[in-house]
PDB file of N, CA and C in Angstrom:
ATOM      1  N   MET A   1       0.859  -1.163   0.000  1.00  0.00           N
ATOM      2  CA  MET A   1       0.000   0.000   0.000  1.00  0.00           C
ATOM      3  C   MET A   1       0.903   1.222   0.000  1.00  0.00           C
ATOM      4  N   VAL A   2       0.499   2.243  -0.718  1.00  0.00           N
ATOM      5  CA  VAL A   2       1.264   3.479  -0.808  1.00  0.00           C
ATOM      6  C   VAL A   2       0.369   4.629  -0.400  1.00  0.00           C
ATOM      7  N   SER A   3       0.869   5.497   0.458  1.00  0.00           N
ATOM      8  CA  SER A   3       0.124   6.682   0.873  1.00  0.00           C
ATOM      9  C   SER A   3       0.666   7.862   0.084  1.00  0.00           C
ATOM     10  N   ALA A   4      -0.219   8.602  -0.579  1.00  0.00           N
ATOM     11  CA  ALA A   4       0.229   9.718  -1.405  1.00  0.00           C
ATOM     12  C   ALA A   4      -0.797  10.835  -1.373  1.00  0.00           C
ATOM     13  N   HIS A   5      -0.381  12.029  -1.743  1.00  0.00           N
ATOM     14  CA  HIS A   5      -1.272  13.178  -1.859  1.00  0.00           C
ATOM     15  C   HIS A   5      -1.166  13.698  -3.277  1.00  0.00           C
ATOM     16  N   ALA A   6      -2.263  14.192  -3.814  1.00  0.00           N
ATOM     17  CA  ALA A   6      -2.298  14.630  -5.209  1.00  0.00           C
ATOM     18  C   ALA A   6      -1.225  15.651  -5.537  1.00  0.00           C
ATOM     19  N   GLU A   7      -0.865  16.504  -4.593  1.00  0.00           N
ATOM     20  CA  GLU A   7       0.132  17.525  -4.872  1.00  0.00           C
ATOM     21  C   GLU A   7       1.395  17.340  -4.042  1.00  0.00           C
ATOM     22  N   GLY A   8       1.519  16.201  -3.394  1.00  0.00           N
ATOM     23  CA  GLY A   8       2.685  15.971  -2.552  1.00  0.00           C
ATOM     24  C   GLY A   8       3.475  14.784  -3.038  1.00  0.00           C
ATOM     25  N   GLU A   9       4.380  14.343  -2.213  1.00  0.00           N
ATOM     26  CA  GLU A   9       5.202  13.191  -2.540  1.00  0.00           C
ATOM     27  C   GLU A   9       4.558  11.930  -1.989  1.00  0.00           C
ATOM     28  N   ILE A  10       5.032  10.799  -2.466  1.00  0.00           N
ATOM     29  CA  ILE A  10       4.569   9.534  -1.927  1.00  0.00           C
ATOM     30  C   ILE A  10       4.975   9.488  -0.467  1.00  0.00           C
ATOM     31  N   GLY A  11       4.053   9.068   0.378  1.00  0.00           N
ATOM     32  CA  GLY A  11       4.328   9.004   1.804  1.00  0.00           C
ATOM     33  C   GLY A  11       4.866   7.651   2.201  1.00  0.00           C
ATOM     34  N   ASP A  12       4.010   6.803   2.712  1.00  0.00           N
ATOM     35  CA  ASP A  12       4.407   5.517   3.252  1.00  0.00           C
ATOM     36  C   ASP A  12       4.230   4.428   2.209  1.00  0.00           C
ATOM     37  N   VAL A  13       5.222   3.556   2.096  1.00  0.00           N
ATOM     38  CA  VAL A  13       5.150   2.433   1.175  1.00  0.00           C
ATOM     39  C   VAL A  13       5.259   1.160   2.003  1.00  0.00           C
ATOM     40  N   ILE A  14       4.282   0.264   1.857  1.00  0.00           N
ATOM     41  CA  ILE A  14       4.282  -0.991   2.593  1.00  0.00           C
ATOM     42  C   ILE A  14       4.306  -2.109   1.574  1.00  0.00           C
ATOM     43  N   GLY A  15       5.288  -2.979   1.654  1.00  0.00           N
ATOM     44  CA  GLY A  15       5.381  -4.105   0.739  1.00  0.00           C
ATOM     45  C   GLY A  15       5.054  -5.401   1.456  1.00  0.00           C
ATOM     46  N   GLY A  16       4.508  -6.360   0.735  1.00  0.00           N
ATOM     47  CA  GLY A  16       4.252  -7.666   1.310  1.00  0.00           C
ATOM     48  C   GLY A  16       3.064  -7.724   2.241  1.00  0.00           C
ATOM     49  N   GLY A  17       2.036  -6.957   1.980  1.00  0.00           N
ATOM     50  CA  GLY A  17       0.854  -6.973   2.825  1.00  0.00           C
ATOM     51  C   GLY A  17       0.734  -5.702   3.623  1.00  0.00           C
ATOM     52  N   VAL A  18      -0.276  -5.631   4.430  1.00  0.00           N
ATOM     53  CA  VAL A  18      -0.522  -4.428   5.213  1.00  0.00           C
ATOM     54  C   VAL A  18       0.011  -4.627   6.619  1.00  0.00           C
ATOM     55  N   ALA A  19       0.913  -3.753   7.015  1.00  0.00           N
ATOM     56  CA  ALA A  19       1.499  -3.812   8.354  1.00  0.00           C
ATOM     57  C   ALA A  19       0.542  -3.188   9.355  1.00  0.00           C
ATOM     58  N   PRO A  20       0.703  -3.515  10.644  1.00  0.00           N
ATOM     59  CA  PRO A  20      -0.104  -2.833  11.653  1.00  0.00           C
ATOM     60  C   PRO A  20       0.139  -1.333  11.577  1.00  0.00           C
ATOM     61  N   PRO A  21      -0.851  -0.524  11.905  1.00  0.00           N
ATOM     62  CA  PRO A  21      -0.658   0.923  11.818  1.00  0.00           C
ATOM     63  C   PRO A  21       0.434   1.384  12.768  1.00  0.00           C
ATOM     64  N   PRO A  22       1.319   2.259  12.313  1.00  0.00           N
ATOM     65  CA  PRO A  22       2.377   2.754  13.180  1.00  0.00           C
ATOM     66  C   PRO A  22       1.826   3.716  14.225  1.00  0.00           C
ATOM     67  N   GLY A  23       2.509   3.814  15.324  1.00  0.00           N
ATOM     68  CA  GLY A  23       2.107   4.730  16.379  1.00  0.00           C
ATOM     69  C   GLY A  23       1.661   3.984  17.616  1.00  0.00           C
ATOM     70  N   ALA A  24       1.825   4.642  18.750  1.00  0.00           N
ATOM     71  CA  ALA A  24       1.491   4.015  20.022  1.00  0.00           C
ATOM     72  C   ALA A  24       0.103   4.394  20.513  1.00  0.00           C
ATOM     73  N   THR A  25      -0.483   5.444  19.949  1.00  0.00           N
ATOM     74  CA  THR A  25      -1.782   5.910  20.419  1.00  0.00           C
ATOM     75  C   THR A  25      -2.770   5.974  19.264  1.00  0.00           C
ATOM     76  N   ILE A  26      -4.057   6.046  19.594  1.00  0.00           N
ATOM     77  CA  ILE A  26      -5.087   6.194  18.563  1.00  0.00           C
ATOM     78  C   ILE A  26      -4.824   7.452  17.751  1.00  0.00           C
ATOM     79  N   ARG A  27      -4.436   8.531  18.421  1.00  0.00           N
ATOM     80  CA  ARG A  27      -4.150   9.784  17.709  1.00  0.00           C
ATOM     81  C   ARG A  27      -3.056   9.583  16.669  1.00  0.00           C
ATOM     82  N   GLU A  28      -1.982   8.906  17.048  1.00  0.00           N
ATOM     83  CA  GLU A  28      -0.879   8.665  16.109  1.00  0.00           C
ATOM     84  C   GLU A  28      -1.308   7.730  14.982  1.00  0.00           C
ATOM     85  N   GLN A  29      -2.203   6.801  15.277  1.00  0.00           N
ATOM     86  CA  GLN A  29      -2.629   5.823  14.285  1.00  0.00           C
ATOM     87  C   GLN A  29      -3.815   6.292  13.449  1.00  0.00           C
ATOM     88  N   SER A  30      -4.423   7.412  13.817  1.00  0.00           N
ATOM     89  CA  SER A  30      -5.684   7.829  13.195  1.00  0.00           C
ATOM     90  C   SER A  30      -5.584   8.030  11.693  1.00  0.00           C
ATOM     91  N   ARG A  31      -4.435   8.414  11.186  1.00  0.00           N
ATOM     92  CA  ARG A  31      -4.333   8.608   9.736  1.00  0.00           C
ATOM     93  C   ARG A  31      -4.404   7.290   8.980  1.00  0.00           C
ATOM     94  N   TRP A  32      -4.322   6.175   9.699  1.00  0.00           N
ATOM     95  CA  TRP A  32      -4.396   4.857   9.076  1.00  0.00           C
ATOM     96  C   TRP A  32      -5.797   4.267   9.124  1.00  0.00           C
ATOM     97  N   ILE A  33      -6.734   4.929   9.794  1.00  0.00           N
ATOM     98  CA  ILE A  33      -8.097   4.412   9.853  1.00  0.00           C
ATOM     99  C   ILE A  33      -8.651   4.376   8.430  1.00  0.00           C
ATOM    100  N   ALA A  34      -9.383   3.326   8.095  1.00  0.00           N
ATOM    101  CA  ALA A  34      -9.817   3.092   6.709  1.00  0.00           C
ATOM    102  C   ALA A  34     -10.420   4.340   6.094  1.00  0.00           C
ATOM    103  N   ARG A  35      -9.957   4.644   4.932  1.00  0.00           N
ATOM    104  CA  ARG A  35     -10.483   5.780   4.188  1.00  0.00           C
ATOM    105  C   ARG A  35     -11.813   5.362   3.585  1.00  0.00           C
ATOM    106  N   ASP A  36     -12.639   6.335   3.307  1.00  0.00           N
ATOM    107  CA  ASP A  36     -13.895   6.019   2.643  1.00  0.00           C
ATOM    108  C   ASP A  36     -13.652   5.857   1.150  1.00  0.00           C
ATOM    109  N   GLY A  37     -14.711   5.568   0.419  1.00  0.00           N
ATOM    110  CA  GLY A  37     -14.570   5.339  -1.010  1.00  0.00           C
ATOM    111  C   GLY A  37     -14.031   6.528  -1.773  1.00  0.00           C
ATOM    112  N   THR A  38     -14.388   7.737  -1.347  1.00  0.00           N
ATOM    113  CA  THR A  38     -13.899   8.933  -2.035  1.00  0.00           C
ATOM    114  C   THR A  38     -12.394   9.060  -1.875  1.00  0.00           C
ATOM    115  N   ALA A  39     -11.897   8.865  -0.661  1.00  0.00           N
ATOM    116  CA  ALA A  39     -10.458   8.978  -0.421  1.00  0.00           C
ATOM    117  C   ALA A  39      -9.697   7.867  -1.132  1.00  0.00           C
ATOM    118  N   LEU A  40     -10.243   6.659  -1.144  1.00  0.00           N
ATOM    119  CA  LEU A  40      -9.584   5.551  -1.829  1.00  0.00           C
ATOM    120  C   LEU A  40      -9.547   5.811  -3.331  1.00  0.00           C
ATOM    121  N   SER A  41     -10.625   6.353  -3.880  1.00  0.00           N
ATOM    122  CA  SER A  41     -10.646   6.712  -5.304  1.00  0.00           C
ATOM    123  C   SER A  41      -9.573   7.746  -5.612  1.00  0.00           C
ATOM    124  N   ALA A  42      -9.448   8.748  -4.748  1.00  0.00           N
ATOM    125  CA  ALA A  42      -8.434   9.788  -4.950  1.00  0.00           C
ATOM    126  C   ALA A  42      -7.034   9.197  -4.876  1.00  0.00           C
ATOM    127  N   ARG A  43      -6.802   8.319  -3.912  1.00  0.00           N
ATOM    128  CA  ARG A  43      -5.485   7.695  -3.777  1.00  0.00           C
ATOM    129  C   ARG A  43      -5.147   6.884  -5.022  1.00  0.00           C
ATOM    130  N   MET A  44      -6.117   6.117  -5.528  1.00  0.00           N
ATOM    131  CA  MET A  44      -5.870   5.322  -6.731  1.00  0.00           C
ATOM    132  C   MET A  44      -5.587   6.217  -7.930  1.00  0.00           C
ATOM    133  N   ALA A  45      -6.292   7.340  -8.030  1.00  0.00           N
ATOM    134  CA  ALA A  45      -6.060   8.267  -9.144  1.00  0.00           C
ATOM    135  C   ALA A  45      -4.638   8.811  -9.106  1.00  0.00           C
ATOM    136  N   VAL A  46      -4.164   9.160  -7.914  1.00  0.00           N
ATOM    137  CA  VAL A  46      -2.792   9.670  -7.774  1.00  0.00           C
ATOM    138  C   VAL A  46      -1.790   8.580  -8.143  1.00  0.00           C
ATOM    139  N   LEU A  47      -1.988   7.378  -7.625  1.00  0.00           N
ATOM    140  CA  LEU A  47      -1.063   6.277  -7.918  1.00  0.00           C
ATOM    141  C   LEU A  47      -1.074   5.929  -9.402  1.00  0.00           C
ATOM    142  N   HIS A  48      -2.241   5.975 -10.024  1.00  0.00           N
ATOM    143  CA  HIS A  48      -2.348   5.710 -11.460  1.00  0.00           C
ATOM    144  C   HIS A  48      -1.583   6.769 -12.248  1.00  0.00           C
ATOM    145  N   ARG A  49      -1.774   8.016 -11.878  1.00  0.00           N
ATOM    146  CA  ARG A  49      -1.093   9.114 -12.573  1.00  0.00           C
ATOM    147  C   ARG A  49       0.420   8.981 -12.456  1.00  0.00           C
ATOM    148  N   ARG A  50       0.889   8.483 -11.316  1.00  0.00           N
ATOM    149  CA  ARG A  50       2.336   8.316 -11.093  1.00  0.00           C
ATOM    150  C   ARG A  50       2.868   7.004 -11.659  1.00  0.00           C
ATOM    151  N   GLY A  51       2.006   6.232 -12.293  1.00  0.00           N
ATOM    152  CA  GLY A  51       2.438   4.977 -12.895  1.00  0.00           C
ATOM    153  C   GLY A  51       2.565   3.829 -11.905  1.00  0.00           C
ATOM    154  N   LEU A  52       2.035   3.989 -10.696  1.00  0.00           N
ATOM    155  CA  LEU A  52       2.149   2.958  -9.669  1.00  0.00           C
ATOM    156  C   LEU A  52       0.931   2.038  -9.626  1.00  0.00           C
ATOM    157  N   MET A  53      -0.131   2.391 -10.343  1.00  0.00           N
ATOM    158  CA  MET A  53      -1.301   1.523 -10.513  1.00  0.00           C
ATOM    159  C   MET A  53      -1.697   1.560 -11.977  1.00  0.00           C
ATOM    160  N   ARG A  54      -2.203   0.407 -12.468  1.00  0.00           N
ATOM    161  CA  ARG A  54      -2.665   0.321 -13.853  1.00  0.00           C
ATOM    162  C   ARG A  54      -4.097  -0.187 -13.875  1.00  0.00           C
ATOM    163  N   GLU A  55      -4.696  -0.103 -15.038  1.00  0.00           N
ATOM    164  CA  GLU A  55      -6.039  -0.634 -15.221  1.00  0.00           C
ATOM    165  C   GLU A  55      -6.059  -2.097 -14.782  1.00  0.00           C
ATOM    166  N   GLY A  56      -7.041  -2.460 -13.961  1.00  0.00           N
ATOM    167  CA  GLY A  56      -7.152  -3.825 -13.447  1.00  0.00           C
ATOM    168  C   GLY A  56      -6.533  -4.017 -12.072  1.00  0.00           C
ATOM    169  N   ASP A  57      -5.652  -3.104 -11.646  1.00  0.00           N
ATOM    170  CA  ASP A  57      -5.015  -3.217 -10.328  1.00  0.00           C
ATOM    171  C   ASP A  57      -6.018  -2.963  -9.214  1.00  0.00           C
ATOM    172  N   ARG A  58      -5.712  -3.518  -8.027  1.00  0.00           N
ATOM    173  CA  ARG A  58      -6.542  -3.344  -6.834  1.00  0.00           C
ATOM    174  C   ARG A  58      -5.707  -2.734  -5.716  1.00  0.00           C
ATOM    175  N   LEU A  59      -6.381  -1.986  -4.845  1.00  0.00           N
ATOM    176  CA  LEU A  59      -5.751  -1.408  -3.656  1.00  0.00           C
ATOM    177  C   LEU A  59      -6.736  -1.568  -2.513  1.00  0.00           C
ATOM    178  N   THR A  60      -6.271  -2.123  -1.394  1.00  0.00           N
ATOM    179  CA  THR A  60      -7.128  -2.316  -0.228  1.00  0.00           C
ATOM    180  C   THR A  60      -6.641  -1.448   0.912  1.00  0.00           C
ATOM    181  N   ALA A  61      -7.551  -0.692   1.498  1.00  0.00           N
ATOM    182  CA  ALA A  61      -7.251   0.113   2.685  1.00  0.00           C
ATOM    183  C   ALA A  61      -7.827  -0.627   3.886  1.00  0.00           C
ATOM    184  N   VAL A  62      -6.978  -0.891   4.873  1.00  0.00           N
ATOM    185  CA  VAL A  62      -7.391  -1.595   6.086  1.00  0.00           C
ATOM    186  C   VAL A  62      -7.314  -0.616   7.241  1.00  0.00           C
ATOM    187  N   SER A  63      -8.375  -0.549   8.025  1.00  0.00           N
ATOM    188  CA  SER A  63      -8.412   0.420   9.118  1.00  0.00           C
ATOM    189  C   SER A  63      -7.795  -0.133  10.393  1.00  0.00           C
ATOM    190  N   LEU A  64      -7.718   0.727  11.345  1.00  0.00           N
ATOM    191  CA  LEU A  64      -7.239   0.390  12.676  1.00  0.00           C
ATOM    192  C   LEU A  64      -8.102  -0.701  13.304  1.00  0.00           C
ATOM    193  N   ILE A  65      -9.376  -0.745  12.935  1.00  0.00           N
ATOM    194  CA  ILE A  65     -10.288  -1.752  13.490  1.00  0.00           C
ATOM    195  C   ILE A  65     -10.556  -2.879  12.490  1.00  0.00           C
ATOM    196  N   ASP A  66      -9.683  -3.026  11.507  1.00  0.00           N
ATOM    197  CA  ASP A  66      -9.717  -4.097  10.508  1.00  0.00           C
ATOM    198  C   ASP A  66     -10.873  -4.027   9.520  1.00  0.00           C
ATOM    199  N   SER A  67     -11.546  -2.895   9.400  1.00  0.00           N
ATOM    200  CA  SER A  67     -12.524  -2.750   8.322  1.00  0.00           C
ATOM    201  C   SER A  67     -11.748  -2.452   7.043  1.00  0.00           C
ATOM    202  N   THR A  68     -12.316  -2.803   5.913  1.00  0.00           N
ATOM    203  CA  THR A  68     -11.593  -2.623   4.653  1.00  0.00           C
ATOM    204  C   THR A  68     -12.481  -2.024   3.573  1.00  0.00           C
ATOM    205  N   PHE A  69     -11.829  -1.300   2.677  1.00  0.00           N
ATOM    206  CA  PHE A  69     -12.394  -0.893   1.402  1.00  0.00           C
ATOM    207  C   PHE A  69     -11.400  -1.369   0.360  1.00  0.00           C
ATOM    208  N   THR A  70     -11.887  -1.967  -0.710  1.00  0.00           N
ATOM    209  CA  THR A  70     -11.013  -2.390  -1.794  1.00  0.00           C
ATOM    210  C   THR A  70     -11.408  -1.620  -3.041  1.00  0.00           C
ATOM    211  N   GLY A  71     -10.418  -1.035  -3.677  1.00  0.00           N
ATOM    212  CA  GLY A  71     -10.646  -0.292  -4.907  1.00  0.00           C
ATOM    213  C   GLY A  71     -10.001  -0.998  -6.081  1.00  0.00           C
ATOM    214  N   ARG A  72     -10.608  -0.865  -7.235  1.00  0.00           N
ATOM    215  CA  ARG A  72     -10.078  -1.436  -8.469  1.00  0.00           C
ATOM    216  C   ARG A  72     -10.236  -0.401  -9.566  1.00  0.00           C
ATOM    217  N   ILE A  73      -9.340  -0.426 -10.534  1.00  0.00           N
ATOM    218  CA  ILE A  73      -9.424   0.478 -11.685  1.00  0.00           C
ATOM    219  C   ILE A  73      -9.865  -0.353 -12.888  1.00  0.00           C
ATOM    220  N   PRO A  74     -11.185  -0.398 -13.175  1.00  0.00           N
ATOM    221  CA  PRO A  74     -11.651  -1.168 -14.323  1.00  0.00           C
ATOM    222  C   PRO A  74     -11.468  -0.447 -15.654  1.00  0.00           C
ATOM    223  N   GLY A  75     -11.191   0.857 -15.601  1.00  0.00           N
ATOM    224  CA  GLY A  75     -11.029   1.587 -16.847  1.00  0.00           C
ATOM    225  C   GLY A  75     -10.511   2.994 -16.631  1.00  0.00           C
ATOM    226  N   GLU A  76     -10.238   3.648 -17.740  1.00  0.00           N
ATOM    227  CA  GLU A  76      -9.746   5.023 -17.737  1.00  0.00           C
ATOM    228  C   GLU A  76     -10.704   5.878 -18.557  1.00  0.00           C
ATOM    229  N   THR A  77     -10.671   7.186 -18.313  1.00  0.00           N
ATOM    230  CA  THR A  77     -11.537   8.107 -19.044  1.00  0.00           C
ATOM    231  C   THR A  77     -10.892   9.485 -19.049  1.00  0.00           C
ATOM    232  N   GLN A  78     -11.644  10.482 -19.453  1.00  0.00           N
ATOM    233  CA  GLN A  78     -11.220  11.882 -19.419  1.00  0.00           C
ATOM    234  C   GLN A  78     -12.269  12.664 -18.641  1.00  0.00           C
ATOM    235  N   MET A  79     -11.835  13.571 -17.796  1.00  0.00           N
ATOM    236  CA  MET A  79     -12.734  14.465 -17.062  1.00  0.00           C
ATOM    237  C   MET A  79     -12.220  15.879 -17.261  1.00  0.00           C
ATOM    238  N   GLY A  80     -13.018  16.732 -17.867  1.00  0.00           N
ATOM    239  CA  GLY A  80     -12.582  18.098 -18.108  1.00  0.00           C
ATOM    240  C   GLY A  80     -11.340  18.170 -18.974  1.00  0.00           C
ATOM    241  N   GLY A  81     -11.196  17.214 -19.881  1.00  0.00           N
ATOM    242  CA  GLY A  81     -10.039  17.194 -20.760  1.00  0.00           C
ATOM    243  C   GLY A  81      -8.781  16.633 -20.117  1.00  0.00           C
ATOM    244  N   LEU A  82      -8.892  16.116 -18.904  1.00  0.00           N
ATOM    245  CA  LEU A  82      -7.739  15.560 -18.191  1.00  0.00           C
ATOM    246  C   LEU A  82      -7.907  14.053 -18.027  1.00  0.00           C
ATOM    247  N   PRO A  83      -6.787  13.308 -17.990  1.00  0.00           N
ATOM    248  CA  PRO A  83      -6.904  11.864 -17.792  1.00  0.00           C
ATOM    249  C   PRO A  83      -7.475  11.557 -16.412  1.00  0.00           C
ATOM    250  N   ALA A  84      -8.321  10.529 -16.341  1.00  0.00           N
ATOM    251  CA  ALA A  84      -8.951  10.143 -15.078  1.00  0.00           C
ATOM    252  C   ALA A  84      -9.153   8.635 -15.064  1.00  0.00           C
ATOM    253  N   ILE A  85      -9.451   8.100 -13.877  1.00  0.00           N
ATOM    254  CA  ILE A  85      -9.766   6.681 -13.756  1.00  0.00           C
ATOM    255  C   ILE A  85     -11.259   6.512 -13.485  1.00  0.00           C
ATOM    256  N   LEU A  86     -11.752   5.320 -13.760  1.00  0.00           N
ATOM    257  CA  LEU A  86     -13.114   4.935 -13.390  1.00  0.00           C
ATOM    258  C   LEU A  86     -12.966   4.003 -12.186  1.00  0.00           C
ATOM    259  N   PRO A  87     -13.056   4.526 -10.965  1.00  0.00           N
ATOM    260  CA  PRO A  87     -12.829   3.680  -9.794  1.00  0.00           C
ATOM    261  C   PRO A  87     -14.028   2.793  -9.479  1.00  0.00           C
ATOM    262  N   GLU A  88     -13.730   1.616  -8.958  1.00  0.00           N
ATOM    263  CA  GLU A  88     -14.755   0.688  -8.482  1.00  0.00           C
ATOM    264  C   GLU A  88     -14.384   0.368  -7.037  1.00  0.00           C
ATOM    265  N   ILE A  89     -15.285   0.641  -6.103  1.00  0.00           N
ATOM    266  CA  ILE A  89     -15.003   0.471  -4.679  1.00  0.00           C
ATOM    267  C   ILE A  89     -15.937  -0.590  -4.105  1.00  0.00           C
ATOM    268  N   SER A  90     -15.379  -1.494  -3.310  1.00  0.00           N
ATOM    269  CA  SER A  90     -16.211  -2.468  -2.603  1.00  0.00           C
ATOM    270  C   SER A  90     -15.853  -2.444  -1.122  1.00  0.00           C
ATOM    271  N   GLY A  91     -16.810  -2.756  -0.317  1.00  0.00           N
ATOM    272  CA  GLY A  91     -16.619  -2.765   1.127  1.00  0.00           C
ATOM    273  C   GLY A  91     -17.962  -3.007   1.774  1.00  0.00           C
ATOM    274  N   ARG A  92     -18.031  -2.765   3.052  1.00  0.00           N
ATOM    275  CA  ARG A  92     -19.283  -2.983   3.760  1.00  0.00           C
ATOM    276  C   ARG A  92     -19.524  -1.833   4.715  1.00  0.00           C
ATOM    277  N   GLY A  93     -20.759  -1.426   4.821  1.00  0.00           N
ATOM    278  CA  GLY A  93     -21.119  -0.352   5.734  1.00  0.00           C
ATOM    279  C   GLY A  93     -22.406  -0.687   6.455  1.00  0.00           C
ATOM    280  N   TRP A  94     -22.666   0.029   7.509  1.00  0.00           N
ATOM    281  CA  TRP A  94     -23.865  -0.183   8.300  1.00  0.00           C
ATOM    282  C   TRP A  94     -24.555   1.149   8.519  1.00  0.00           C
ATOM    283  N   ILE A  95     -25.862   1.111   8.620  1.00  0.00           N
ATOM    284  CA  ILE A  95     -26.619   2.325   8.920  1.00  0.00           C
ATOM    285  C   ILE A  95     -26.356   2.688  10.377  1.00  0.00           C
ATOM    286  N   THR A  96     -25.920   3.908  10.595  1.00  0.00           N
ATOM    287  CA  THR A  96     -25.628   4.358  11.963  1.00  0.00           C
ATOM    288  C   THR A  96     -26.570   5.456  12.420  1.00  0.00           C
ATOM    289  N   GLY A  97     -27.435   5.914  11.535  1.00  0.00           N
ATOM    290  CA  GLY A  97     -28.372   6.957  11.933  1.00  0.00           C
ATOM    291  C   GLY A  97     -29.248   7.372  10.771  1.00  0.00           C
ATOM    292  N   MET A  98     -30.284   8.112  11.099  1.00  0.00           N
ATOM    293  CA  MET A  98     -31.173   8.688  10.102  1.00  0.00           C
ATOM    294  C   MET A  98     -31.072  10.202  10.241  1.00  0.00           C
ATOM    295  N   HIS A  99     -31.053  10.890   9.127  1.00  0.00           N
ATOM    296  CA  HIS A  99     -30.852  12.333   9.155  1.00  0.00           C
ATOM    297  C   HIS A  99     -31.908  13.022   8.300  1.00  0.00           C
ATOM    298  N   GLN A 100     -32.269  14.205   8.703  1.00  0.00           N
ATOM    299  CA  GLN A 100     -33.224  14.996   7.941  1.00  0.00           C
ATOM    300  C   GLN A 100     -32.565  16.333   7.639  1.00  0.00           C
ATOM    301  N   HIS A 101     -32.533  16.689   6.374  1.00  0.00           N
ATOM    302  CA  HIS A 101     -31.943  17.958   5.953  1.00  0.00           C
ATOM    303  C   HIS A 101     -33.060  18.870   5.484  1.00  0.00           C
ATOM    304  N   MET A 102     -32.976  20.118   5.871  1.00  0.00           N
ATOM    305  CA  MET A 102     -34.012  21.084   5.506  1.00  0.00           C
ATOM    306  C   MET A 102     -33.366  22.293   4.843  1.00  0.00           C
ATOM    307  N   LEU A 103     -34.133  22.982   4.024  1.00  0.00           N
ATOM    308  CA  LEU A 103     -33.683  24.219   3.400  1.00  0.00           C
ATOM    309  C   LEU A 103     -34.503  25.371   3.956  1.00  0.00           C
ATOM    310  N   ASP A 104     -33.812  26.416   4.339  1.00  0.00           N
ATOM    311  CA  ASP A 104     -34.488  27.632   4.786  1.00  0.00           C
ATOM    312  C   ASP A 104     -34.925  28.386   3.534  1.00  0.00           C
ATOM    313  N   PRO A 105     -36.180  28.784   3.421  1.00  0.00           N
ATOM    314  CA  PRO A 105     -36.635  29.504   2.228  1.00  0.00           C
ATOM    315  C   PRO A 105     -35.852  30.792   1.980  1.00  0.00           C
ATOM    316  N   ALA A 106     -35.228  31.349   3.013  1.00  0.00           N
ATOM    317  CA  ALA A 106     -34.457  32.582   2.852  1.00  0.00           C
ATOM    318  C   ALA A 106     -32.989  32.319   2.499  1.00  0.00           C
ATOM    319  N   ASP A 107     -32.582  31.056   2.420  1.00  0.00           N
ATOM    320  CA  ASP A 107     -31.185  30.720   2.122  1.00  0.00           C
ATOM    321  C   ASP A 107     -30.834  31.190   0.711  1.00  0.00           C
ATOM    322  N   PRO A 108     -29.801  32.059   0.560  1.00  0.00           N
ATOM    323  CA  PRO A 108     -29.435  32.536  -0.775  1.00  0.00           C
ATOM    324  C   PRO A 108     -28.735  31.461  -1.616  1.00  0.00           C
ATOM    325  N   TRP A 109     -28.280  30.369  -0.993  1.00  0.00           N
ATOM    326  CA  TRP A 109     -27.605  29.295  -1.726  1.00  0.00           C
ATOM    327  C   TRP A 109     -28.240  27.950  -1.372  1.00  0.00           C
ATOM    328  N   PRO A 110     -29.485  27.719  -1.756  1.00  0.00           N
ATOM    329  CA  PRO A 110     -30.153  26.470  -1.369  1.00  0.00           C
ATOM    330  C   PRO A 110     -29.512  25.226  -1.986  1.00  0.00           C
ATOM    331  N   GLY A 111     -28.791  25.390  -3.063  1.00  0.00           N
ATOM    332  CA  GLY A 111     -28.129  24.254  -3.705  1.00  0.00           C
ATOM    333  C   GLY A 111     -26.694  24.070  -3.265  1.00  0.00           C
ATOM    334  N   GLY A 112     -26.228  24.848  -2.293  1.00  0.00           N
ATOM    335  CA  GLY A 112     -24.843  24.745  -1.841  1.00  0.00           C
ATOM    336  C   GLY A 112     -24.050  25.984  -2.199  1.00  0.00           C
ATOM    337  N   TYR A 113     -22.813  26.012  -1.770  1.00  0.00           N
ATOM    338  CA  TYR A 113     -21.946  27.166  -1.966  1.00  0.00           C
ATOM    339  C   TYR A 113     -20.575  26.694  -2.409  1.00  0.00           C
ATOM    340  N   ARG A 114     -20.017  27.357  -3.409  1.00  0.00           N
ATOM    341  CA  ARG A 114     -18.672  27.044  -3.901  1.00  0.00           C
ATOM    342  C   ARG A 114     -17.799  28.267  -3.739  1.00  0.00           C
ATOM    343  N   LEU A 115     -16.507  28.053  -3.572  1.00  0.00           N
ATOM    344  CA  LEU A 115     -15.583  29.185  -3.472  1.00  0.00           C
ATOM    345  C   LEU A 115     -15.652  30.052  -4.722  1.00  0.00           C
ATOM    346  N   SER A 116     -15.903  29.428  -5.870  1.00  0.00           N
ATOM    347  CA  SER A 116     -15.985  30.211  -7.104  1.00  0.00           C
ATOM    348  C   SER A 116     -17.192  31.147  -7.094  1.00  0.00           C
ATOM    349  N   ASP A 117     -18.162  30.918  -6.200  1.00  0.00           N
ATOM    350  CA  ASP A 117     -19.283  31.850  -6.065  1.00  0.00           C
ATOM    351  C   ASP A 117     -18.784  33.205  -5.572  1.00  0.00           C
ATOM    352  N   THR A 118     -17.697  33.199  -4.825  1.00  0.00           N
ATOM    353  CA  THR A 118     -17.113  34.437  -4.302  1.00  0.00           C
ATOM    354  C   THR A 118     -15.986  34.941  -5.186  1.00  0.00           C
ATOM    355  N   TRP A 119     -15.056  34.049  -5.540  1.00  0.00           N
ATOM    356  CA  TRP A 119     -13.844  34.479  -6.238  1.00  0.00           C
ATOM    357  C   TRP A 119     -13.861  34.203  -7.730  1.00  0.00           C
ATOM    358  N   GLY A 120     -14.904  33.617  -8.241  1.00  0.00           N
ATOM    359  CA  GLY A 120     -14.963  33.326  -9.671  1.00  0.00           C
ATOM    360  C   GLY A 120     -14.231  32.037 -10.003  1.00  0.00           C
ATOM    361  N   ALA A 121     -14.533  31.514 -11.169  1.00  0.00           N
ATOM    362  CA  ALA A 121     -13.889  30.275 -11.614  1.00  0.00           C
ATOM    363  C   ALA A 121     -12.471  30.564 -12.047  1.00  0.00           C
ATOM    364  N   ARG A 122     -11.628  29.548 -11.956  1.00  0.00           N
ATOM    365  CA  ARG A 122     -10.227  29.742 -12.377  1.00  0.00           C
ATOM    366  C   ARG A 122     -10.079  29.660 -13.858  1.00  0.00           C
TER     367      ARG A 122
END
């Protein structure tokens, strides 16, 4: 498993399986808690861009409590004219609550707010 950031360097590289999370405390180990599907997709995209993952490859994130998400790259595409992957994520989740979201009729941004709403698109 390789830890990387889209604009940073490759972080941790683990060969031969997944090692126990480093650190003596939950706080130190917290960055190793299983990422959700969005984070795993982003990690695979970075690794693919760097040539460390190819179409068909799999990456499994194992959490501190042994939960897992497994990602696979079944294909490639273009998004906004840039190369992208088509991620496929598998794992298991449980319902932990029910939520109700409401919109205030006076809300000037009922559909959400983007930074470009203030500073314009790049």
